[in-house]
Amino acid sequence: MLKEFTTYRPLQVAKFVKTLFKGEFLIAGIGMFYFDKGKVLLPDVTNKQMLSVMKEVNIAIDSLSAQPV
């Protein structure tokens, strides 16, 4: 299942990744990302924007995990 986000919202993407645990998603205007074990995997390291998105989303996932239920 491929999820496409038309607008980049780190928290929204983080919730998607944390819920599905493994898969792929597309952020319009940025690119395709893959995730496994509830974390976004390292994208093309030459694309600084994609690296930044990966870091931001993984930090948001960590903050979601730290919150009490």
N, C-alpha and C. Protein backbone atom coordinates (compact mmCIF):
# COMPACT_ATOMS: atom_id res chain seq x y z
N MET A 1 0.84 -1.19 0.00
CA MET A 1 0.00 0.00 0.00
C MET A 1 0.88 1.24 0.00
N LEU A 2 0.68 2.09 -0.96
CA LEU A 2 1.45 3.33 -1.07
C LEU A 2 0.57 4.49 -0.63
N LYS A 3 1.04 5.22 0.34
CA LYS A 3 0.32 6.40 0.83
C LYS A 3 0.99 7.63 0.23
N GLU A 4 0.18 8.53 -0.30
CA GLU A 4 0.72 9.78 -0.84
C GLU A 4 0.27 10.94 0.04
N PHE A 5 1.25 11.70 0.51
CA PHE A 5 0.97 12.91 1.27
C PHE A 5 1.15 14.09 0.32
N THR A 6 0.09 14.88 0.15
CA THR A 6 0.18 16.02 -0.74
C THR A 6 0.88 17.19 -0.06
N THR A 7 0.80 17.21 1.27
CA THR A 7 1.45 18.25 2.07
C THR A 7 2.31 17.57 3.11
N TYR A 8 3.51 18.06 3.29
CA TYR A 8 4.42 17.46 4.27
C TYR A 8 4.13 17.97 5.67
N ARG A 9 3.64 17.07 6.51
CA ARG A 9 3.41 17.36 7.93
C ARG A 9 4.10 16.24 8.71
N PRO A 10 5.24 16.54 9.35
CA PRO A 10 6.02 15.49 10.01
C PRO A 10 5.22 14.62 10.98
N LEU A 11 4.36 15.21 11.78
CA LEU A 11 3.60 14.44 12.76
C LEU A 11 2.60 13.49 12.09
N GLN A 12 1.97 13.96 11.04
CA GLN A 12 1.03 13.12 10.29
C GLN A 12 1.76 11.92 9.66
N VAL A 13 2.91 12.18 9.08
CA VAL A 13 3.71 11.10 8.47
C VAL A 13 4.18 10.14 9.57
N ALA A 14 4.62 10.68 10.70
CA ALA A 14 5.11 9.85 11.81
C ALA A 14 4.01 8.90 12.31
N LYS A 15 2.80 9.39 12.45
CA LYS A 15 1.69 8.54 12.90
C LYS A 15 1.42 7.42 11.90
N PHE A 16 1.51 7.74 10.61
CA PHE A 16 1.32 6.74 9.56
C PHE A 16 2.38 5.65 9.66
N VAL A 17 3.64 6.06 9.77
CA VAL A 17 4.76 5.12 9.83
C VAL A 17 4.66 4.25 11.09
N LYS A 18 4.37 4.88 12.21
CA LYS A 18 4.28 4.15 13.48
C LYS A 18 3.14 3.14 13.47
N THR A 19 2.04 3.46 12.81
CA THR A 19 0.88 2.58 12.76
C THR A 19 1.11 1.38 11.85
N LEU A 20 1.68 1.60 10.66
CA LEU A 20 1.84 0.51 9.70
C LEU A 20 3.12 -0.29 9.89
N PHE A 21 4.15 0.33 10.45
CA PHE A 21 5.40 -0.34 10.79
C PHE A 21 6.30 -0.64 9.59
N LYS A 22 5.75 -1.02 8.43
CA LYS A 22 6.58 -1.32 7.26
C LYS A 22 5.83 -0.96 5.99
N GLY A 23 6.53 -0.31 5.05
CA GLY A 23 5.89 0.04 3.78
C GLY A 23 6.61 1.18 3.10
N GLU A 24 5.84 1.97 2.39
CA GLU A 24 6.41 3.09 1.64
C GLU A 24 5.40 4.22 1.57
N PHE A 25 5.91 5.42 1.38
CA PHE A 25 5.03 6.57 1.20
C PHE A 25 5.71 7.58 0.30
N LEU A 26 4.90 8.45 -0.26
CA LEU A 26 5.36 9.48 -1.17
C LEU A 26 4.94 10.83 -0.61
N ILE A 27 5.86 11.77 -0.61
CA ILE A 27 5.51 13.14 -0.25
C ILE A 27 5.64 13.97 -1.53
N ALA A 28 4.54 14.56 -1.94
CA ALA A 28 4.51 15.33 -3.18
C ALA A 28 5.58 16.42 -3.16
N GLY A 29 6.36 16.47 -4.23
CA GLY A 29 7.39 17.48 -4.37
C GLY A 29 8.70 17.14 -3.66
N ILE A 30 8.71 16.05 -2.88
CA ILE A 30 9.93 15.68 -2.16
C ILE A 30 10.45 14.32 -2.63
N GLY A 31 9.58 13.31 -2.62
CA GLY A 31 10.01 12.01 -3.13
C GLY A 31 9.43 10.83 -2.38
N MET A 32 9.94 9.64 -2.76
CA MET A 32 9.49 8.37 -2.22
C MET A 32 10.37 7.96 -1.04
N PHE A 33 9.71 7.46 0.01
CA PHE A 33 10.41 7.01 1.20
C PHE A 33 9.95 5.60 1.54
N TYR A 34 10.83 4.85 2.17
CA TYR A 34 10.51 3.51 2.63
C TYR A 34 10.71 3.46 4.13
N PHE A 35 9.93 2.64 4.80
CA PHE A 35 10.09 2.51 6.24
C PHE A 35 9.95 1.06 6.66
N ASP A 36 10.63 0.74 7.74
CA ASP A 36 10.61 -0.61 8.28
C ASP A 36 10.84 -0.53 9.78
N LYS A 37 10.21 -1.42 10.53
CA LYS A 37 10.32 -1.45 11.99
C LYS A 37 9.96 -0.11 12.63
N GLY A 38 9.03 0.61 12.00
CA GLY A 38 8.54 1.86 12.56
C GLY A 38 9.47 3.04 12.41
N LYS A 39 10.44 2.95 11.51
CA LYS A 39 11.38 4.06 11.26
C LYS A 39 11.55 4.27 9.76
N VAL A 40 11.71 5.52 9.37
CA VAL A 40 11.96 5.84 7.97
C VAL A 40 13.40 5.45 7.67
N LEU A 41 13.59 4.73 6.57
CA LEU A 41 14.92 4.28 6.17
C LEU A 41 15.69 5.38 5.46
N LEU A 42 17.00 5.26 5.49
CA LEU A 42 17.89 6.24 4.88
C LEU A 42 17.59 6.37 3.39
N PRO A 43 17.25 7.59 2.93
CA PRO A 43 16.98 7.81 1.50
C PRO A 43 18.28 8.06 0.75
N ASP A 44 18.16 8.55 -0.46
CA ASP A 44 19.31 8.95 -1.28
C ASP A 44 20.09 10.01 -0.52
N VAL A 45 21.31 9.69 -0.10
CA VAL A 45 22.08 10.59 0.75
C VAL A 45 22.53 11.86 0.05
N THR A 46 22.43 11.91 -1.26
CA THR A 46 22.82 13.14 -1.97
C THR A 46 21.70 14.18 -1.96
N ASN A 47 20.49 13.75 -1.59
CA ASN A 47 19.35 14.66 -1.55
C ASN A 47 19.17 15.16 -0.11
N LYS A 48 19.64 16.37 0.14
CA LYS A 48 19.62 16.95 1.49
C LYS A 48 18.20 17.12 2.02
N GLN A 49 17.26 17.46 1.14
CA GLN A 49 15.87 17.64 1.58
C GLN A 49 15.29 16.33 2.09
N MET A 50 15.56 15.23 1.37
CA MET A 50 15.04 13.93 1.80
C MET A 50 15.68 13.49 3.12
N LEU A 51 16.97 13.77 3.29
CA LEU A 51 17.64 13.45 4.55
C LEU A 51 17.01 14.22 5.71
N SER A 52 16.72 15.47 5.47
CA SER A 52 16.11 16.32 6.49
C SER A 52 14.73 15.79 6.87
N VAL A 53 13.94 15.40 5.87
CA VAL A 53 12.60 14.86 6.12
C VAL A 53 12.71 13.57 6.93
N MET A 54 13.64 12.69 6.55
CA MET A 54 13.83 11.43 7.27
C MET A 54 14.13 11.69 8.75
N LYS A 55 15.04 12.62 9.01
CA LYS A 55 15.42 12.93 10.39
C LYS A 55 14.23 13.50 11.16
N GLU A 56 13.51 14.44 10.54
CA GLU A 56 12.36 15.07 11.20
C GLU A 56 11.28 14.05 11.55
N VAL A 57 10.96 13.17 10.61
CA VAL A 57 9.91 12.18 10.84
C VAL A 57 10.34 11.19 11.91
N ASN A 58 11.59 10.74 11.87
CA ASN A 58 12.05 9.79 12.89
C ASN A 58 12.06 10.42 14.28
N ILE A 59 12.38 11.70 14.37
CA ILE A 59 12.32 12.39 15.66
C ILE A 59 10.86 12.47 16.14
N ALA A 60 9.95 12.75 15.22
CA ALA A 60 8.52 12.81 15.57
C ALA A 60 8.02 11.44 16.03
N ILE A 61 8.50 10.36 15.39
CA ILE A 61 8.13 9.01 15.80
C ILE A 61 8.62 8.75 17.23
N ASP A 62 9.86 9.15 17.50
CA ASP A 62 10.41 8.97 18.85
C ASP A 62 9.59 9.74 19.88
N SER A 63 9.16 10.94 19.53
CA SER A 63 8.36 11.72 20.48
C SER A 63 6.99 11.09 20.71
N LEU A 64 6.42 10.47 19.69
CA LEU A 64 5.15 9.77 19.85
C LEU A 64 5.33 8.56 20.77
N SER A 65 6.45 7.89 20.62
CA SER A 65 6.72 6.70 21.43
C SER A 65 6.96 7.05 22.90
N ALA A 66 7.45 8.25 23.15
CA ALA A 66 7.77 8.67 24.51
C ALA A 66 6.54 9.14 25.28
N GLN A 67 5.47 9.48 24.55
CA GLN A 67 4.26 9.98 25.20
C GLN A 67 3.50 8.85 25.87
N PRO A 68 3.01 9.07 27.10
CA PRO A 68 2.21 8.03 27.76
C PRO A 68 0.87 7.84 27.06
N VAL A 69 0.38 6.65 27.07
CA VAL A 69 -0.88 6.33 26.37
C VAL A 69 -2.07 6.66 27.23
